[in-house]
Amino acid sequence: MMKIHFKNAAKGLIASAMLPGLLYPVAMFAQGQAAAQKGFCAVLPNFTSQTEGNFVDRMAKLEAKRAEREQNLATQRSERDTRLSENRAAWETRFQEHYAKLEANAKDDAQKQAIIVFQRAVNAAVRARQAAFDAAKDAFRQALDQAIATRKTGIDAAVTAFKNARTVALAKATADCASNVAPQTVRQNLQAALKAAREKFQTDRQAVEKKGEALESLIDARKAAVKKAQDDFKTAIEKARDALKVVLGASTSPQPSPSE
């Protein structure tokens, strides 16, 4: 059976790439506290412009990373589907050849009929297993897509809230400077507001990340469905093979082992 490492790929898509970088302007502001208190209002416009530029750059990188991962996921799925189709086609060819050999070696009508019954049973077992595999695959993919979309919505909301809080804080600092509020007070108030915005962003992000933990249950559910399909297939094949052995004898009984 083809092994598909969904877990690592899926977790990579759910990961929080580059989000800490969005908070860099706050860290940069904290590092600038050593500047002269009386000059804070003078440097505020440059600080505001720089933080906005940094934020835009990091958002652009975040979107680029998202697009890259989405493309990688689409490519991986396409490649897996292609390999699966090729494996199934190869199996079909091998067994058609095997069925033909069995029929050619049939000694009487009873053996011919037994081979037909066996072929039908095997084909039915294969179709059932393929359907179960496809259902598990589709269910996992849909759930993963929903998890990715939900996380994206949650992170975007957290980022927007952070951006808005930062904008409000900077606007207030600018207004306070224009109103001749003491530069030290302006700086302290702005620092406190940006810190609160950062902490809320971290809290909001952690809440989103917790929802991503459900991915483990999705992976387990897919594994369980695949295992059941495989077990059911083996049981059906053994039953069909045992029935054929009675008529053909052990030396001529087939050993079906289609791959997924």
Protein backbone atom coordinates (compact mmCIF):
# COMPACT_ATOMS: atom_id res chain seq x y z
CA MET A 1 0.00 0.00 0.00
CA MET A 2 1.33 3.42 -0.89
CA LYS A 3 2.38 5.32 2.23
CA ILE A 4 1.27 8.94 2.40
CA HIS A 5 2.78 11.04 5.16
CA PHE A 6 -0.19 13.33 5.67
CA LYS A 7 0.75 14.23 9.24
CA ASN A 8 3.92 16.23 8.59
CA ALA A 9 2.52 17.88 5.47
CA ALA A 10 -0.70 18.82 7.20
CA LYS A 11 1.03 20.20 10.27
CA GLY A 12 3.27 22.27 8.04
CA LEU A 13 0.22 23.88 6.50
CA ILE A 14 -1.30 24.64 9.88
CA ALA A 15 1.96 26.07 11.27
CA SER A 16 2.29 29.73 12.35
CA ALA A 17 4.94 30.75 9.88
CA MET A 18 6.28 34.29 10.25
CA LEU A 19 3.61 35.51 12.65
CA PRO A 20 6.06 36.45 15.41
CA GLY A 21 7.67 38.81 12.93
CA LEU A 22 4.52 40.89 12.86
CA LEU A 23 5.32 42.00 16.38
CA TYR A 24 8.80 43.23 15.52
CA PRO A 25 7.75 46.91 15.47
CA VAL A 26 6.78 46.62 19.14
CA ALA A 27 10.14 45.12 20.04
CA MET A 28 11.87 47.81 18.03
CA PHE A 29 9.94 50.46 19.94
CA ALA A 30 11.00 48.98 23.26
CA GLN A 31 14.61 49.03 22.16
CA GLY A 32 14.31 52.73 21.46
CA GLN A 33 13.50 53.67 25.05
CA ALA A 34 17.02 54.83 25.62
CA ALA A 35 16.33 57.80 23.37
CA ALA A 36 16.05 61.18 25.10
CA GLN A 37 12.61 61.60 26.60
CA LYS A 38 12.25 65.13 25.33
CA GLY A 39 12.89 64.06 21.73
CA PHE A 40 10.21 61.37 21.58
CA CYS A 41 7.54 63.46 19.87
CA ALA A 42 10.12 64.58 17.31
CA VAL A 43 10.93 61.00 16.28
CA LEU A 44 7.35 59.70 16.50
CA PRO A 45 6.50 60.36 12.80
CA ASN A 46 9.54 58.40 11.63
CA PHE A 47 8.75 55.58 14.06
CA THR A 48 5.15 55.43 12.82
CA SER A 49 6.24 55.30 9.19
CA GLN A 50 8.86 52.66 9.86
CA THR A 51 6.55 50.40 11.83
CA GLU A 52 3.93 50.61 9.09
CA GLY A 53 6.48 49.67 6.46
CA ASN A 54 7.72 46.74 8.51
CA PHE A 55 4.19 45.53 9.09
CA VAL A 56 3.32 45.66 5.38
CA ASP A 57 6.51 43.78 4.47
CA ARG A 58 5.81 41.02 6.96
CA MET A 59 2.22 40.66 5.84
CA ALA A 60 3.41 40.32 2.24
CA LYS A 61 5.84 37.58 3.28
CA LEU A 62 3.12 35.81 5.24
CA GLU A 63 0.81 35.82 2.22
CA ALA A 64 3.61 34.58 -0.03
CA LYS A 65 4.33 31.74 2.37
CA ARG A 66 0.68 30.81 2.48
CA ALA A 67 0.48 30.75 -1.31
CA GLU A 68 3.60 28.59 -1.50
CA ARG A 69 2.21 26.06 0.96
CA GLU A 70 -1.15 25.92 -0.78
CA GLN A 71 0.60 25.26 -4.08
CA ASN A 72 2.77 22.57 -2.49
CA LEU A 73 -0.33 20.89 -1.06
CA ALA A 74 -2.07 20.92 -4.44
CA THR A 75 1.02 19.47 -6.11
CA GLN A 76 1.40 16.73 -3.49
CA ARG A 77 -2.23 15.74 -3.84
CA SER A 78 -1.98 15.62 -7.61
CA GLU A 79 1.13 13.46 -7.47
CA ARG A 80 -0.46 11.07 -4.97
CA ASP A 81 -3.60 10.77 -7.07
CA THR A 82 -1.51 10.04 -10.15
CA ARG A 83 0.49 7.33 -8.36
CA LEU A 84 -2.69 5.82 -6.99
CA SER A 85 -4.28 5.66 -10.45
CA GLU A 86 -1.14 4.12 -11.89
CA ASN A 87 -0.98 1.49 -9.12
CA ARG A 88 -4.60 0.57 -9.63
CA ALA A 89 -4.20 0.32 -13.40
CA ALA A 90 -1.12 -1.87 -13.00
CA TRP A 91 -2.96 -4.15 -10.60
CA GLU A 92 -5.89 -4.45 -12.99
CA THR A 93 -3.56 -5.47 -15.80
CA ARG A 94 -1.76 -8.07 -13.69
CA PHE A 95 -4.93 -9.68 -12.50
CA GLN A 96 -6.58 -9.75 -15.88
CA GLU A 97 -3.54 -11.70 -17.03
CA HIS A 98 -3.78 -13.97 -14.01
CA TYR A 99 -7.48 -14.57 -14.56
CA ALA A 100 -6.74 -15.50 -18.18
CA LYS A 101 -4.14 -18.06 -17.06
CA LEU A 102 -6.54 -19.59 -14.58
CA GLU A 103 -9.22 -19.88 -17.23
CA ALA A 104 -6.77 -21.40 -19.70
CA ASN A 105 -5.86 -24.11 -17.16
CA ALA A 106 -9.44 -24.89 -16.19
CA LYS A 107 -10.13 -28.60 -16.71
CA ASP A 108 -13.91 -28.58 -16.72
CA ASP A 109 -17.00 -26.41 -16.44
CA ALA A 110 -16.98 -26.62 -12.66
CA GLN A 111 -13.51 -25.07 -12.50
CA LYS A 112 -14.43 -22.45 -15.08
CA GLN A 113 -17.47 -21.47 -13.04
CA ALA A 114 -15.41 -21.39 -9.83
CA ILE A 115 -12.90 -19.06 -11.49
CA ILE A 116 -15.70 -16.73 -12.60
CA VAL A 117 -17.12 -16.66 -9.07
CA PHE A 118 -13.64 -16.02 -7.68
CA GLN A 119 -13.01 -13.20 -10.15
CA ARG A 120 -16.28 -11.52 -9.25
CA ALA A 121 -15.56 -11.80 -5.54
CA VAL A 122 -12.06 -10.35 -5.92
CA ASN A 123 -13.27 -7.50 -8.11
CA ALA A 124 -16.02 -6.69 -5.61
CA ALA A 125 -13.51 -6.69 -2.74
CA VAL A 126 -11.18 -4.43 -4.68
CA ARG A 127 -13.94 -1.98 -5.54
CA ALA A 128 -15.07 -1.89 -1.91
CA ARG A 129 -11.54 -1.24 -0.69
CA GLN A 130 -10.92 1.46 -3.28
CA ALA A 131 -14.20 3.15 -2.38
CA ALA A 132 -13.33 3.07 1.32
CA PHE A 133 -9.83 4.41 0.65
CA ASP A 134 -11.19 7.19 -1.55
CA ALA A 135 -13.83 8.13 1.02
CA ALA A 136 -11.22 8.31 3.79
CA LYS A 137 -8.90 10.34 1.59
CA ASP A 138 -11.62 12.78 0.54
CA ALA A 139 -12.91 13.18 4.09
CA PHE A 140 -9.42 13.93 5.37
CA ARG A 141 -8.70 16.41 2.61
CA GLN A 142 -11.96 18.25 3.15
CA ALA A 143 -11.37 18.39 6.89
CA LEU A 144 -7.81 19.60 6.38
CA ASP A 145 -8.94 22.29 3.95
CA GLN A 146 -11.54 23.43 6.48
CA ALA A 147 -8.94 23.49 9.26
CA ILE A 148 -6.60 25.57 7.10
CA ALA A 149 -9.39 27.98 6.16
CA THR A 150 -10.54 28.29 9.78
CA ARG A 151 -7.02 28.97 10.97
CA LYS A 152 -6.45 31.53 8.23
CA THR A 153 -9.64 33.36 9.19
CA GLY A 154 -8.68 33.32 12.86
CA ILE A 155 -5.14 34.53 12.28
CA ASP A 156 -6.30 37.24 9.88
CA ALA A 157 -8.78 38.46 12.48
CA ALA A 158 -6.05 38.51 15.14
CA VAL A 159 -3.68 40.39 12.82
CA THR A 160 -6.39 42.91 11.92
CA ALA A 161 -7.20 43.50 15.58
CA PHE A 162 -3.51 44.00 16.34
CA LYS A 163 -3.09 46.39 13.43
CA ASN A 164 -6.14 48.41 14.43
CA ALA A 165 -5.01 48.62 18.06
CA ARG A 166 -1.58 49.75 16.96
CA THR A 167 -3.05 52.37 14.62
CA VAL A 168 -5.25 53.74 17.40
CA ALA A 169 -2.29 53.85 19.81
CA LEU A 170 -0.07 55.67 17.34
CA ALA A 171 -2.84 58.12 16.43
CA LYS A 172 -3.38 58.92 20.11
CA ALA A 173 0.35 59.42 20.63
CA THR A 174 0.44 61.81 17.68
CA ALA A 175 -2.57 63.72 19.01
CA ASP A 176 -1.03 63.90 22.49
CA CYS A 177 2.17 65.29 21.06
CA ALA A 178 0.17 67.92 19.18
CA SER A 179 -1.59 68.79 22.44
CA ASN A 180 1.76 69.31 24.17
CA VAL A 181 1.40 66.33 26.49
CA ALA A 182 4.73 65.58 28.15
CA PRO A 183 6.84 63.47 25.75
CA GLN A 184 7.66 61.03 28.54
CA THR A 185 3.97 60.50 29.21
CA VAL A 186 3.26 60.04 25.50
CA ARG A 187 6.01 57.46 25.25
CA GLN A 188 4.84 55.54 28.31
CA ASN A 189 1.22 55.51 27.17
CA LEU A 190 2.18 54.37 23.69
CA GLN A 191 4.42 51.66 25.06
CA ALA A 192 1.63 50.37 27.32
CA ALA A 193 -0.91 50.40 24.46
CA LEU A 194 1.40 48.53 22.09
CA LYS A 195 2.23 46.00 24.78
CA ALA A 196 -1.48 45.37 25.38
CA ALA A 197 -2.03 44.96 21.64
CA ARG A 198 0.84 42.49 21.42
CA GLU A 199 -0.40 40.43 24.37
CA LYS A 200 -3.92 40.28 22.95
CA PHE A 201 -2.54 39.16 19.61
CA GLN A 202 -0.59 36.37 21.31
CA THR A 203 -3.70 35.28 23.21
CA ASP A 204 -5.84 35.34 20.06
CA ARG A 205 -3.22 33.37 18.15
CA GLN A 206 -2.95 30.72 20.86
CA ALA A 207 -6.73 30.29 20.79
CA VAL A 208 -6.53 29.67 17.04
CA GLU A 209 -3.66 27.21 17.45
CA LYS A 210 -5.64 25.14 19.95
CA LYS A 211 -8.29 24.56 17.32
CA GLY A 212 -5.58 23.09 15.11
CA GLU A 213 -5.04 20.30 17.62
CA ALA A 214 -8.11 18.60 16.14
CA LEU A 215 -5.87 17.66 13.21
CA GLU A 216 -4.57 14.72 15.24
CA SER A 217 -8.07 13.25 15.47
CA LEU A 218 -8.51 13.70 11.70
CA ILE A 219 -5.33 11.77 11.04
CA ASP A 220 -6.35 9.02 13.46
CA ALA A 221 -9.78 8.77 11.84
CA ARG A 222 -8.25 8.35 8.41
CA LYS A 223 -5.85 5.68 9.66
CA ALA A 224 -8.72 3.78 11.27
CA ALA A 225 -10.80 3.92 8.08
CA VAL A 226 -7.88 2.71 5.96
CA LYS A 227 -7.11 -0.13 8.37
CA LYS A 228 -10.73 -1.28 8.39
CA ALA A 229 -10.85 -1.21 4.59
CA GLN A 230 -7.65 -3.25 4.44
CA ASP A 231 -8.89 -5.78 7.00
CA ASP A 232 -12.24 -6.16 5.23
CA PHE A 233 -10.42 -6.66 1.94
CA LYS A 234 -8.17 -9.38 3.35
CA THR A 235 -11.14 -11.18 4.84
CA ALA A 236 -13.05 -11.11 1.55
CA ILE A 237 -10.03 -12.29 -0.43
CA GLU A 238 -9.31 -15.15 1.95
CA LYS A 239 -12.91 -16.30 1.69
CA ALA A 240 -12.85 -16.17 -2.12
CA ARG A 241 -9.49 -17.91 -2.29
CA ASP A 242 -10.52 -20.70 0.07
CA ALA A 243 -13.63 -21.33 -2.00
CA LEU A 244 -11.54 -21.54 -5.17
CA LYS A 245 -9.04 -23.91 -3.56
CA VAL A 246 -11.79 -26.41 -2.99
CA VAL A 247 -12.35 -26.65 -6.72
CA LEU A 248 -8.90 -26.02 -8.19
CA GLY A 249 -6.64 -27.35 -5.47
CA ALA A 250 -4.02 -25.45 -3.47
CA SER A 251 -1.35 -25.63 -6.18
CA THR A 252 -3.29 -23.48 -8.61
CA SER A 253 -5.01 -21.02 -6.28
CA PRO A 254 -4.16 -17.33 -6.88
CA GLN A 255 -2.63 -14.93 -4.37
CA PRO A 256 -4.33 -11.55 -4.86
CA SER A 257 -2.44 -8.55 -3.51
CA PRO A 258 -3.54 -5.33 -5.21
CA SER A 259 -1.75 -2.14 -4.21
CA GLU A 260 -3.22 1.23 -3.33
